[in-house]
PDB file of all heavy atoms in Angstrom:
ATOM      1  N   GLY A   1     220.198 193.175 172.734  1.00  0.00           N
ATOM      2  CA  GLY A   1     220.983 193.771 171.646  1.00  0.00           C
ATOM      3  C   GLY A   1     222.427 193.180 171.549  1.00  0.00           C
ATOM      4  O   GLY A   1     223.083 193.515 170.660  1.00  0.00           O
ATOM      5  N   LYS A   2     222.766 192.435 172.574  1.00  0.00           N
ATOM      6  CA  LYS A   2     224.148 191.875 172.590  1.00  0.00           C
ATOM      7  C   LYS A   2     224.075 190.391 172.305  1.00  0.00           C
ATOM      8  O   LYS A   2     224.484 189.582 173.116  1.00  0.00           O
ATOM      9  CB  LYS A   2     224.838 192.197 173.925  1.00  0.00           C
ATOM     10  CG  LYS A   2     225.004 193.654 174.090  1.00  0.00           C
ATOM     11  CD  LYS A   2     225.799 193.894 175.401  1.00  0.00           C
ATOM     12  CE  LYS A   2     225.977 195.414 175.586  1.00  0.00           C
ATOM     13  NZ  LYS A   2     226.669 195.706 176.749  1.00  0.00           N
ATOM     14  N   GLY A   3     223.498 189.967 171.205  1.00  0.00           N
ATOM     15  CA  GLY A   3     223.403 188.574 170.856  1.00  0.00           C
ATOM     16  C   GLY A   3     221.977 188.052 170.952  1.00  0.00           C
ATOM     17  O   GLY A   3     221.719 186.981 170.334  1.00  0.00           O
ATOM     18  N   SER A   4     221.062 188.718 171.558  1.00  0.00           N
ATOM     19  CA  SER A   4     219.703 188.199 171.608  1.00  0.00           C
ATOM     20  C   SER A   4     219.086 188.096 170.317  1.00  0.00           C
ATOM     21  O   SER A   4     218.336 187.099 170.015  1.00  0.00           O
ATOM     22  CB  SER A   4     218.928 189.022 172.614  1.00  0.00           C
ATOM     23  OG  SER A   4     218.812 190.409 172.149  1.00  0.00           O
ATOM     24  N   ASP A   5     219.326 189.062 169.416  1.00  0.00           N
ATOM     25  CA  ASP A   5     218.770 189.008 168.100  1.00  0.00           C
ATOM     26  C   ASP A   5     219.310 187.850 167.270  1.00  0.00           C
ATOM     27  O   ASP A   5     218.551 187.218 166.500  1.00  0.00           O
ATOM     28  CB  ASP A   5     218.977 190.334 167.314  1.00  0.00           C
ATOM     29  CG  ASP A   5     220.444 190.717 167.292  1.00  0.00           C
ATOM     30  OD1 ASP A   5     221.200 190.252 168.102  1.00  0.00           O
ATOM     31  OD2 ASP A   5     220.844 191.557 166.376  1.00  0.00           O
ATOM     32  N   VAL A   6     220.611 187.450 167.496  1.00  0.00           N
ATOM     33  CA  VAL A   6     221.215 186.329 166.869  1.00  0.00           C
ATOM     34  C   VAL A   6     220.547 185.051 167.358  1.00  0.00           C
ATOM     35  O   VAL A   6     220.167 184.158 166.499  1.00  0.00           O
ATOM     36  CB  VAL A   6     222.709 186.277 167.028  1.00  0.00           C
ATOM     37  CG1 VAL A   6     223.328 185.046 166.454  1.00  0.00           C
ATOM     38  CG2 VAL A   6     223.297 187.576 166.454  1.00  0.00           C
ATOM     39  N   VAL A   7     220.271 184.946 168.676  1.00  0.00           N
ATOM     40  CA  VAL A   7     219.693 183.736 169.235  1.00  0.00           C
ATOM     41  C   VAL A   7     218.249 183.594 168.700  1.00  0.00           C
ATOM     42  O   VAL A   7     217.850 182.476 168.221  1.00  0.00           O
ATOM     43  CB  VAL A   7     219.695 183.804 170.823  1.00  0.00           C
ATOM     44  CG1 VAL A   7     218.851 182.589 171.409  1.00  0.00           C
ATOM     45  CG2 VAL A   7     221.126 183.794 171.318  1.00  0.00           C
ATOM     46  N   GLU A   8     217.504 184.706 168.688  1.00  0.00           N
ATOM     47  CA  GLU A   8     216.139 184.661 168.265  1.00  0.00           C
ATOM     48  C   GLU A   8     216.043 184.241 166.768  1.00  0.00           C
ATOM     49  O   GLU A   8     215.151 183.440 166.491  1.00  0.00           O
ATOM     50  CB  GLU A   8     215.413 185.905 168.448  1.00  0.00           C
ATOM     51  CG  GLU A   8     215.193 186.261 169.980  1.00  0.00           C
ATOM     52  CD  GLU A   8     214.503 187.583 170.176  1.00  0.00           C
ATOM     53  OE1 GLU A   8     214.214 188.302 169.202  1.00  0.00           O
ATOM     54  OE2 GLU A   8     214.341 187.943 171.393  1.00  0.00           O
ATOM     55  N   SER A   9     216.966 184.787 165.992  1.00  0.00           N
ATOM     56  CA  SER A   9     216.915 184.432 164.557  1.00  0.00           C
ATOM     57  C   SER A   9     217.248 182.938 164.332  1.00  0.00           C
ATOM     58  O   SER A   9     216.544 182.266 163.512  1.00  0.00           O
ATOM     59  CB  SER A   9     217.884 185.295 163.791  1.00  0.00           C
ATOM     60  OG  SER A   9     217.599 186.626 163.781  1.00  0.00           O
ATOM     61  N   CYS A  10     218.175 182.497 165.123  1.00  0.00           N
ATOM     62  CA  CYS A  10     218.545 181.048 164.956  1.00  0.00           C
ATOM     63  C   CYS A  10     217.399 180.106 165.405  1.00  0.00           C
ATOM     64  O   CYS A  10     217.055 179.138 164.763  1.00  0.00           O
ATOM     65  CB  CYS A  10     219.766 180.774 165.846  1.00  0.00           C
ATOM     66  SG  CYS A  10     220.320 179.022 165.871  1.00  0.00           S
ATOM     67  N   VAL A  11     216.778 180.539 166.568  1.00  0.00           N
ATOM     68  CA  VAL A  11     215.606 179.747 167.069  1.00  0.00           C
ATOM     69  C   VAL A  11     214.557 179.657 166.034  1.00  0.00           C
ATOM     70  O   VAL A  11     213.984 178.607 165.729  1.00  0.00           O
ATOM     71  CB  VAL A  11     215.155 180.274 168.444  1.00  0.00           C
ATOM     72  CG1 VAL A  11     213.760 179.709 168.774  1.00  0.00           C
ATOM     73  CG2 VAL A  11     216.173 179.967 169.554  1.00  0.00           C
ATOM     74  N   LEU A  12     214.150 180.849 165.450  1.00  0.00           N
ATOM     75  CA  LEU A  12     213.118 180.890 164.514  1.00  0.00           C
ATOM     76  C   LEU A  12     213.473 180.065 163.250  1.00  0.00           C
ATOM     77  O   LEU A  12     212.626 179.388 162.686  1.00  0.00           O
ATOM     78  CB  LEU A  12     212.772 182.347 164.147  1.00  0.00           C
ATOM     79  CG  LEU A  12     212.013 183.076 165.221  1.00  0.00           C
ATOM     80  CD1 LEU A  12     211.936 184.577 164.769  1.00  0.00           C
ATOM     81  CD2 LEU A  12     210.719 182.537 165.572  1.00  0.00           C
ATOM     82  N   ALA A  13     214.709 180.142 162.823  1.00  0.00           N
ATOM     83  CA  ALA A  13     215.097 179.396 161.557  1.00  0.00           C
ATOM     84  C   ALA A  13     214.999 177.881 161.838  1.00  0.00           C
ATOM     85  O   ALA A  13     214.465 177.163 161.000  1.00  0.00           O
ATOM     86  CB  ALA A  13     216.471 179.694 161.207  1.00  0.00           C
ATOM     87  N   ARG A  14     215.285 177.419 163.052  1.00  0.00           N
ATOM     88  CA  ARG A  14     215.210 175.999 163.345  1.00  0.00           C
ATOM     89  C   ARG A  14     213.736 175.591 163.533  1.00  0.00           C
ATOM     90  O   ARG A  14     213.318 174.616 162.999  1.00  0.00           O
ATOM     91  CB  ARG A  14     215.949 175.682 164.603  1.00  0.00           C
ATOM     92  CG  ARG A  14     217.531 175.767 164.251  1.00  0.00           C
ATOM     93  CD  ARG A  14     218.321 175.422 165.415  1.00  0.00           C
ATOM     94  NE  ARG A  14     219.780 175.716 165.017  1.00  0.00           N
ATOM     95  CZ  ARG A  14     220.568 174.779 164.623  1.00  0.00           C
ATOM     96  NH1 ARG A  14     220.141 173.534 164.622  1.00  0.00           N
ATOM     97  NH2 ARG A  14     221.836 175.063 164.270  1.00  0.00           N
ATOM     98  N   VAL A  15     212.910 176.432 164.207  1.00  0.00           N
ATOM     99  CA  VAL A  15     211.567 176.104 164.397  1.00  0.00           C
ATOM    100  C   VAL A  15     210.779 175.994 163.075  1.00  0.00           C
ATOM    101  O   VAL A  15     209.895 175.091 162.916  1.00  0.00           O
ATOM    102  CB  VAL A  15     210.829 177.097 165.412  1.00  0.00           C
ATOM    103  CG1 VAL A  15     209.293 176.974 165.384  1.00  0.00           C
ATOM    104  CG2 VAL A  15     211.419 176.977 166.827  1.00  0.00           C
ATOM    105  N   LYS A  16     211.084 176.898 162.196  1.00  0.00           N
ATOM    106  CA  LYS A  16     210.425 176.862 160.870  1.00  0.00           C
ATOM    107  C   LYS A  16     210.711 175.613 160.089  1.00  0.00           C
ATOM    108  O   LYS A  16     209.978 175.293 159.160  1.00  0.00           O
ATOM    109  CB  LYS A  16     210.866 178.094 160.063  1.00  0.00           C
ATOM    110  CG  LYS A  16     210.280 179.325 160.557  1.00  0.00           C
ATOM    111  CD  LYS A  16     210.719 180.577 159.887  1.00  0.00           C
ATOM    112  CE  LYS A  16     210.120 181.886 160.425  1.00  0.00           C
ATOM    113  NZ  LYS A  16     210.602 183.091 159.731  1.00  0.00           N
ATOM    114  N   ARG A  17     211.759 174.845 160.398  1.00  0.00           N
ATOM    115  CA  ARG A  17     212.033 173.615 159.676  1.00  0.00           C
ATOM    116  C   ARG A  17     211.431 172.414 160.312  1.00  0.00           C
ATOM    117  O   ARG A  17     211.414 171.263 159.834  1.00  0.00           O
ATOM    118  CB  ARG A  17     213.523 173.413 159.619  1.00  0.00           C
ATOM    119  CG  ARG A  17     214.251 174.379 158.756  1.00  0.00           C
ATOM    120  CD  ARG A  17     215.673 174.043 158.380  1.00  0.00           C
ATOM    121  NE  ARG A  17     216.494 173.812 159.575  1.00  0.00           N
ATOM    122  CZ  ARG A  17     217.444 174.720 159.974  1.00  0.00           C
ATOM    123  NH1 ARG A  17     217.666 175.714 159.238  1.00  0.00           N
ATOM    124  NH2 ARG A  17     218.105 174.461 161.060  1.00  0.00           N
ATOM    125  N   TRP A  18     210.827 172.561 161.593  1.00  0.00           N
ATOM    126  CA  TRP A  18     210.237 171.430 162.334  1.00  0.00           C
ATOM    127  C   TRP A  18     209.008 170.942 161.676  1.00  0.00           C
ATOM    128  O   TRP A  18     208.240 171.731 161.020  1.00  0.00           O
ATOM    129  CB  TRP A  18     209.964 171.793 163.760  1.00  0.00           C
ATOM    130  CG  TRP A  18     211.087 172.085 164.593  1.00  0.00           C
ATOM    131  CD1 TRP A  18     212.415 171.859 164.301  1.00  0.00           C
ATOM    132  CD2 TRP A  18     211.080 172.592 165.936  1.00  0.00           C
ATOM    133  NE1 TRP A  18     213.176 172.221 165.353  1.00  0.00           N
ATOM    134  CE2 TRP A  18     212.385 172.714 166.383  1.00  0.00           C
ATOM    135  CE3 TRP A  18     210.106 173.035 166.750  1.00  0.00           C
ATOM    136  CZ2 TRP A  18     212.816 173.195 167.656  1.00  0.00           C
ATOM    137  CZ3 TRP A  18     210.401 173.498 168.040  1.00  0.00           C
ATOM    138  CH2 TRP A  18     211.691 173.590 168.430  1.00  0.00           C
ATOM    139  N   LYS A  19     208.635 169.674 161.898  1.00  0.00           N
ATOM    140  CA  LYS A  19     207.363 169.118 161.518  1.00  0.00           C
ATOM    141  C   LYS A  19     206.693 168.678 162.809  1.00  0.00           C
ATOM    142  O   LYS A  19     207.125 167.648 163.349  1.00  0.00           O
ATOM    143  CB  LYS A  19     207.483 167.956 160.500  1.00  0.00           C
ATOM    144  CG  LYS A  19     206.251 167.214 160.263  1.00  0.00           C
ATOM    145  CD  LYS A  19     205.903 167.201 158.861  1.00  0.00           C
ATOM    146  CE  LYS A  19     204.614 166.341 158.709  1.00  0.00           C
ATOM    147  NZ  LYS A  19     203.844 166.648 157.653  1.00  0.00           N
ATOM    148  N   PHE A  20     205.682 169.351 163.290  1.00  0.00           N
ATOM    149  CA  PHE A  20     205.013 169.068 164.507  1.00  0.00           C
ATOM    150  C   PHE A  20     204.044 167.912 164.257  1.00  0.00           C
ATOM    151  O   PHE A  20     203.649 167.532 163.094  1.00  0.00           O
ATOM    152  CB  PHE A  20     204.167 170.232 164.925  1.00  0.00           C
ATOM    153  CG  PHE A  20     205.049 171.404 165.551  1.00  0.00           C
ATOM    154  CD1 PHE A  20     205.897 172.182 164.749  1.00  0.00           C
ATOM    155  CD2 PHE A  20     205.034 171.566 166.941  1.00  0.00           C
ATOM    156  CE1 PHE A  20     206.623 173.194 165.335  1.00  0.00           C
ATOM    157  CE2 PHE A  20     205.782 172.574 167.476  1.00  0.00           C
ATOM    158  CZ  PHE A  20     206.588 173.385 166.735  1.00  0.00           C
ATOM    159  N   PRO A  21     203.514 167.294 165.305  1.00  0.00           N
ATOM    160  CA  PRO A  21     202.454 166.336 165.173  1.00  0.00           C
ATOM    161  C   PRO A  21     201.287 166.850 164.495  1.00  0.00           C
ATOM    162  O   PRO A  21     200.924 168.056 164.703  1.00  0.00           O
ATOM    163  CB  PRO A  21     202.113 165.891 166.554  1.00  0.00           C
ATOM    164  CG  PRO A  21     203.347 166.280 167.430  1.00  0.00           C
ATOM    165  CD  PRO A  21     203.897 167.489 166.744  1.00  0.00           C
ATOM    166  N   ALA A  22     200.623 166.191 163.660  1.00  0.00           N
ATOM    167  CA  ALA A  22     199.418 166.615 162.868  1.00  0.00           C
ATOM    168  C   ALA A  22     198.331 167.024 163.955  1.00  0.00           C
ATOM    169  O   ALA A  22     198.173 166.416 164.998  1.00  0.00           O
ATOM    170  CB  ALA A  22     198.808 165.598 161.920  1.00  0.00           C
ATOM    171  N   ASN A  23     197.527 168.058 163.636  1.00  0.00           N
ATOM    172  CA  ASN A  23     196.440 168.434 164.627  1.00  0.00           C
ATOM    173  C   ASN A  23     195.151 167.787 164.151  1.00  0.00           C
ATOM    174  O   ASN A  23     194.998 167.312 163.060  1.00  0.00           O
ATOM    175  CB  ASN A  23     196.368 169.962 164.614  1.00  0.00           C
ATOM    176  CG  ASN A  23     195.797 170.650 163.443  1.00  0.00           C
ATOM    177  OD1 ASN A  23     194.822 170.214 162.862  1.00  0.00           O
ATOM    178  ND2 ASN A  23     196.379 171.761 163.026  1.00  0.00           N
ATOM    179  N   GLN A  24     194.167 167.970 165.021  1.00  0.00           N
ATOM    180  CA  GLN A  24     192.867 167.310 164.847  1.00  0.00           C
ATOM    181  C   GLN A  24     191.779 168.317 164.587  1.00  0.00           C
ATOM    182  O   GLN A  24     190.643 168.255 165.181  1.00  0.00           O
ATOM    183  CB  GLN A  24     192.591 166.469 166.111  1.00  0.00           C
ATOM    184  CG  GLN A  24     193.642 165.531 166.523  1.00  0.00           C
ATOM    185  CD  GLN A  24     193.865 164.423 165.519  1.00  0.00           C
ATOM    186  OE1 GLN A  24     192.973 163.896 164.876  1.00  0.00           O
ATOM    187  NE2 GLN A  24     195.209 164.136 165.306  1.00  0.00           N
ATOM    188  N   LEU A  25     192.000 169.361 163.853  1.00  0.00           N
ATOM    189  CA  LEU A  25     191.124 170.433 163.666  1.00  0.00           C
ATOM    190  C   LEU A  25     190.361 170.454 162.381  1.00  0.00           C
ATOM    191  O   LEU A  25     189.952 171.562 161.960  1.00  0.00           O
ATOM    192  CB  LEU A  25     191.882 171.760 163.882  1.00  0.00           C
ATOM    193  CG  LEU A  25     192.507 171.981 165.230  1.00  0.00           C
ATOM    194  CD1 LEU A  25     193.216 173.254 165.284  1.00  0.00           C
ATOM    195  CD2 LEU A  25     191.531 171.940 166.384  1.00  0.00           C
ATOM    196  N   ASP A  26     190.220 169.366 161.733  1.00  0.00           N
ATOM    197  CA  ASP A  26     189.443 169.349 160.521  1.00  0.00           C
ATOM    198  C   ASP A  26     189.952 170.281 159.432  1.00  0.00           C
ATOM    199  O   ASP A  26     189.117 171.082 158.908  1.00  0.00           O
ATOM    200  CB  ASP A  26     187.954 169.476 160.753  1.00  0.00           C
ATOM    201  CG  ASP A  26     187.378 168.398 161.670  1.00  0.00           C
ATOM    202  OD1 ASP A  26     187.854 167.284 161.552  1.00  0.00           O
ATOM    203  OD2 ASP A  26     186.507 168.719 162.496  1.00  0.00           O
ATOM    204  N   GLY A  27     191.236 170.330 159.147  1.00  0.00           N
ATOM    205  CA  GLY A  27     191.690 171.210 158.194  1.00  0.00           C
ATOM    206  C   GLY A  27     192.069 172.600 158.527  1.00  0.00           C
ATOM    207  O   GLY A  27     192.522 173.476 157.733  1.00  0.00           O
TER     208      GLY A  27
END
């Protein structure tokens, strides 16, 4: 509660913008 929520929000915002390597699962 002393900044952890801010770190988590920032991490999620950055991860949501990433483009991971394409997977091999047939769609």
